[in-house]
């Protein structure tokens, strides 16, 4: 499995001859990304916020896009394949589990910004299970994965590095890929992240934009 990082929470996961693009958002978008994004076999969107979906680009891409009904209602110009928590998608020898996510809240999300329908995705290629959580606070679950890509920024919207460390441990993740770190309005406390990941013996890798890791 190969993972390439794009801004914020966007990942391209390549495995078993499939390219899966996740949360192709507008934050710090560059036109050069599009050539790679167009090579995806399918696109997964976790929720409606613009840093997770660049609608003016995706509406012109002829690639199957999967997301929630709330995202469909927010972007009627795009045709989505609707998914919900506990769905399973099968693409030849790749299975994708649609799982729970709970977007945090602070008063800045008033007037249309609050997320009511949010999902994460677990990509299982038979050898590795990679979980991208979406913007979520902690919640009780029984998921088991090898790799987790998760936010660590806090601000009431997502888990912080402390909760992310505990969350990752419960998942049994052997590798953590911190994401959702590119919004200058919500800067990540890198020292706090390192302190907690080291405290809980978390194996992690912070990827630069367009950096690729082989798992």
Protein backbone atom coordinates (compact mmCIF):
# COMPACT_ATOMS: atom_id res chain seq x y z
CA UNK A 1 0.00 0.00 0.00
CA UNK A 2 1.25 3.46 -0.94
CA UNK A 3 -0.07 6.73 0.55
CA UNK A 4 0.51 10.22 -0.83
CA UNK A 5 -0.38 13.29 1.24
CA UNK A 6 -2.02 16.42 -0.15
CA UNK A 7 -3.09 19.49 1.87
CA UNK A 8 -5.17 19.12 5.01
CA UNK A 9 -6.82 15.65 5.06
CA UNK A 10 -6.39 14.65 1.42
CA UNK A 11 -4.73 11.30 0.75
CA UNK A 12 -4.24 9.18 -2.35
CA UNK A 13 -4.14 5.51 -1.36
CA UNK A 14 -2.78 3.10 -3.97
CA UNK A 15 -3.19 -0.62 -3.48
CA UNK A 16 -4.10 -3.73 -5.49
CA UNK A 17 -4.22 -1.72 -8.73
CA UNK A 18 -6.69 0.78 -7.27
CA UNK A 19 -6.17 4.48 -6.59
CA UNK A 20 -8.47 5.88 -3.93
CA UNK A 21 -8.58 9.65 -3.39
CA UNK A 22 -9.87 10.81 -0.01
CA UNK A 23 -11.08 14.30 0.98
CA UNK A 24 -9.85 16.21 -2.06
CA UNK A 25 -10.35 19.66 -0.56
CA UNK A 26 -9.83 23.28 -1.46
CA UNK A 27 -7.47 24.38 1.31
CA UNK A 28 -4.09 25.29 -0.22
CA UNK A 29 -5.16 23.60 -3.46
CA UNK A 30 -2.75 23.85 -6.38
CA UNK A 31 -3.69 23.25 -10.02
CA UNK A 32 -0.88 20.74 -10.38
CA UNK A 33 -2.71 18.36 -8.01
CA UNK A 34 -5.45 17.81 -10.57
CA UNK A 35 -3.33 15.72 -12.93
CA UNK A 36 -2.77 13.19 -10.13
CA UNK A 37 -6.30 13.39 -8.75
CA UNK A 38 -7.72 12.53 -12.16
CA UNK A 39 -5.89 9.20 -12.01
CA UNK A 40 -8.06 8.02 -9.11
CA UNK A 41 -10.45 5.13 -9.60
CA UNK A 42 -12.82 6.47 -6.95
CA UNK A 43 -13.12 9.41 -4.57
CA UNK A 44 -14.25 9.30 -0.93
CA UNK A 45 -15.48 12.43 0.86
CA UNK A 46 -16.02 12.35 4.64
CA UNK A 47 -18.11 15.50 5.19
CA UNK A 48 -19.24 18.80 3.71
CA UNK A 49 -16.55 21.30 4.76
CA UNK A 50 -14.63 22.93 1.92
CA UNK A 51 -11.24 21.81 3.20
CA UNK A 52 -12.43 18.27 2.47
CA UNK A 53 -14.13 18.82 -0.88
CA UNK A 54 -13.19 21.21 -3.68
CA UNK A 55 -16.51 21.14 -5.46
CA UNK A 56 -15.62 23.33 -8.45
CA UNK A 57 -12.92 20.83 -9.43
CA UNK A 58 -14.69 17.60 -8.51
CA UNK A 59 -17.86 18.48 -10.43
CA UNK A 60 -15.89 18.20 -13.67
CA UNK A 61 -14.09 14.93 -12.83
CA UNK A 62 -15.64 11.83 -14.35
CA UNK A 63 -14.78 9.54 -11.43
CA UNK A 64 -17.26 7.87 -9.03
CA UNK A 65 -17.54 9.94 -5.83
CA UNK A 66 -18.87 8.52 -2.56
CA UNK A 67 -20.17 10.56 0.36
CA UNK A 68 -23.12 11.23 2.64
CA UNK A 69 -26.55 12.60 1.89
CA UNK A 70 -25.64 15.84 3.68
CA UNK A 71 -22.73 16.32 1.27
CA UNK A 72 -25.03 15.62 -1.68
CA UNK A 73 -27.51 18.20 -0.41
CA UNK A 74 -24.72 20.75 0.06
CA UNK A 75 -23.25 20.24 -3.44
CA UNK A 76 -26.17 19.40 -5.77
CA UNK A 77 -23.97 20.13 -8.80
CA UNK A 78 -22.09 16.87 -8.11
CA UNK A 79 -23.59 13.38 -8.39
CA UNK A 80 -22.58 11.33 -5.36
CA UNK A 81 -22.96 7.67 -4.56
CA UNK A 82 -24.56 7.93 -1.13
CA UNK A 83 -23.01 6.03 1.77
CA UNK A 84 -23.73 5.85 5.47
CA UNK A 85 -22.15 4.42 8.59
CA UNK A 86 -21.81 0.59 8.54
CA UNK A 87 -21.91 0.35 4.72
CA UNK A 88 -19.25 -1.76 2.98
CA UNK A 89 -17.98 -1.05 -0.53
CA UNK A 90 -16.26 -3.78 -2.55
CA UNK A 91 -13.94 -2.93 -5.43
CA UNK A 92 -12.42 -6.18 -6.73
CA UNK A 93 -9.78 -7.00 -4.11
CA UNK A 94 -10.18 -3.83 -2.02
CA UNK A 95 -12.85 -3.46 0.65
CA UNK A 96 -13.87 -0.10 2.10
CA UNK A 97 -15.78 0.07 5.37
CA UNK A 98 -17.78 3.23 6.06
CA UNK A 99 -17.46 3.93 9.77
CA UNK A 100 -18.55 6.36 12.45
CA UNK A 101 -17.18 9.89 12.85
CA UNK A 102 -18.33 12.68 15.16
CA UNK A 103 -17.37 16.19 14.08
CA UNK A 104 -16.73 18.44 17.03
CA UNK A 105 -18.47 21.77 17.52
CA UNK A 106 -17.55 25.29 18.48
CA UNK A 107 -19.60 28.47 17.96
CA UNK A 108 -17.70 29.35 14.79
CA UNK A 109 -19.70 26.59 13.06
CA UNK A 110 -23.01 28.40 13.51
CA UNK A 111 -24.96 29.53 10.44
CA UNK A 112 -24.50 26.42 8.33
CA UNK A 113 -21.09 25.16 9.31
CA UNK A 114 -22.15 22.47 11.75
CA UNK A 115 -21.73 18.92 10.47
CA UNK A 116 -24.58 16.50 11.16
CA UNK A 117 -23.50 13.65 8.89
CA UNK A 118 -19.86 12.57 8.95
CA UNK A 119 -18.08 9.30 8.20
CA UNK A 120 -14.62 7.77 8.23
CA UNK A 121 -13.31 5.06 5.92
CA UNK A 122 -11.28 1.89 6.55
CA UNK A 123 -9.52 0.63 3.42
CA UNK A 124 -8.69 -3.08 3.60
CA UNK A 125 -6.57 -4.67 0.85
CA UNK A 126 -6.23 -8.03 2.59
CA UNK A 127 -2.77 -7.21 3.94
CA UNK A 128 -3.17 -3.77 5.49
CA UNK A 129 -6.09 -1.88 7.02
CA UNK A 130 -5.78 1.90 6.72
CA UNK A 131 -8.31 4.07 8.55
CA UNK A 132 -8.88 7.74 7.79
CA UNK A 133 -11.05 9.10 10.56
CA UNK A 134 -12.34 12.41 9.17
CA UNK A 135 -12.54 15.39 11.53
CA UNK A 136 -13.71 13.64 14.66
CA UNK A 137 -13.60 13.74 18.39
CA UNK A 138 -12.97 10.51 20.30
CA UNK A 139 -15.69 7.88 20.47
CA UNK A 140 -15.94 4.30 21.69
CA UNK A 141 -15.46 1.69 18.94
CA UNK A 142 -14.13 -1.79 18.26
CA UNK A 143 -12.20 -1.03 15.05
CA UNK A 144 -8.81 -2.67 14.53
CA UNK A 145 -6.41 -1.26 11.95
CA UNK A 146 -2.75 -1.22 11.00
CA UNK A 147 -2.48 2.46 10.03
CA UNK A 148 -4.60 5.44 11.05
CA UNK A 149 -4.65 8.92 9.51
CA UNK A 150 -6.22 11.25 12.04
CA UNK A 151 -6.40 14.90 13.12
CA UNK A 152 -4.58 16.17 16.20
CA UNK A 153 -5.48 19.87 16.15
CA UNK A 154 -8.26 20.07 18.76
CA UNK A 155 -10.04 23.46 18.93
CA UNK A 156 -13.21 21.59 19.87
CA UNK A 157 -13.52 20.35 16.28
CA UNK A 158 -11.31 17.27 16.39
CA UNK A 159 -9.38 15.25 18.92
CA UNK A 160 -6.13 16.71 20.19
CA UNK A 161 -2.83 14.81 20.25
CA UNK A 162 -3.65 13.47 23.72
CA UNK A 163 -6.95 11.91 22.63
CA UNK A 164 -5.45 10.87 19.31
CA UNK A 165 -2.74 8.93 21.15
CA UNK A 166 -5.28 7.01 23.22
CA UNK A 167 -7.54 6.51 20.20
CA UNK A 168 -4.66 5.10 18.15
CA UNK A 169 -3.67 2.72 20.93
CA UNK A 170 -7.20 1.30 21.13
CA UNK A 171 -7.20 0.75 17.37
CA UNK A 172 -3.98 -1.24 17.62
CA UNK A 173 -2.45 0.99 14.94
CA UNK A 174 1.21 0.32 14.21
CA UNK A 175 1.59 3.67 12.41
CA UNK A 176 -0.13 7.04 12.85
CA UNK A 177 -0.25 9.62 10.05
CA UNK A 178 -1.28 13.01 11.50
CA UNK A 179 -3.48 14.98 9.09
CA UNK A 180 -5.63 18.16 9.13
CA UNK A 181 -2.55 20.26 9.97
CA UNK A 182 -2.47 22.80 7.12
CA UNK A 183 -5.05 25.39 8.18
CA UNK A 184 -3.19 28.46 9.42
CA UNK A 185 -6.30 29.59 11.33
CA UNK A 186 -6.07 26.44 13.46
CA UNK A 187 -2.34 25.78 13.88
CA UNK A 188 -1.18 22.47 15.26
CA UNK A 189 0.86 22.56 18.44
CA UNK A 190 3.70 20.41 17.14
CA UNK A 191 5.53 20.21 20.47
CA UNK A 192 2.36 19.10 22.24
CA UNK A 193 1.81 16.47 19.56
CA UNK A 194 5.36 15.14 19.86
CA UNK A 195 5.16 15.15 23.67
CA UNK A 196 2.01 13.05 23.70
CA UNK A 197 3.01 10.69 20.91
CA UNK A 198 6.32 10.06 22.66
CA UNK A 199 4.61 9.65 26.04
CA UNK A 200 2.30 6.95 24.66
CA UNK A 201 4.98 5.36 22.45
CA UNK A 202 3.12 6.18 19.25
CA UNK A 203 4.94 5.40 16.01
CA UNK A 204 4.08 8.28 13.69
CA UNK A 205 5.12 9.97 10.49
CA UNK A 206 4.23 13.55 9.54
CA UNK A 207 4.08 13.68 5.75
CA UNK A 208 4.85 16.81 3.76
CA UNK A 209 2.48 17.82 0.97
CA UNK A 210 3.00 15.49 -2.02
CA UNK A 211 5.19 13.17 0.06
CA UNK A 212 4.60 9.45 -0.40
CA UNK A 213 5.06 6.60 2.07
CA UNK A 214 5.11 2.86 1.35
CA UNK A 215 3.32 0.82 4.00
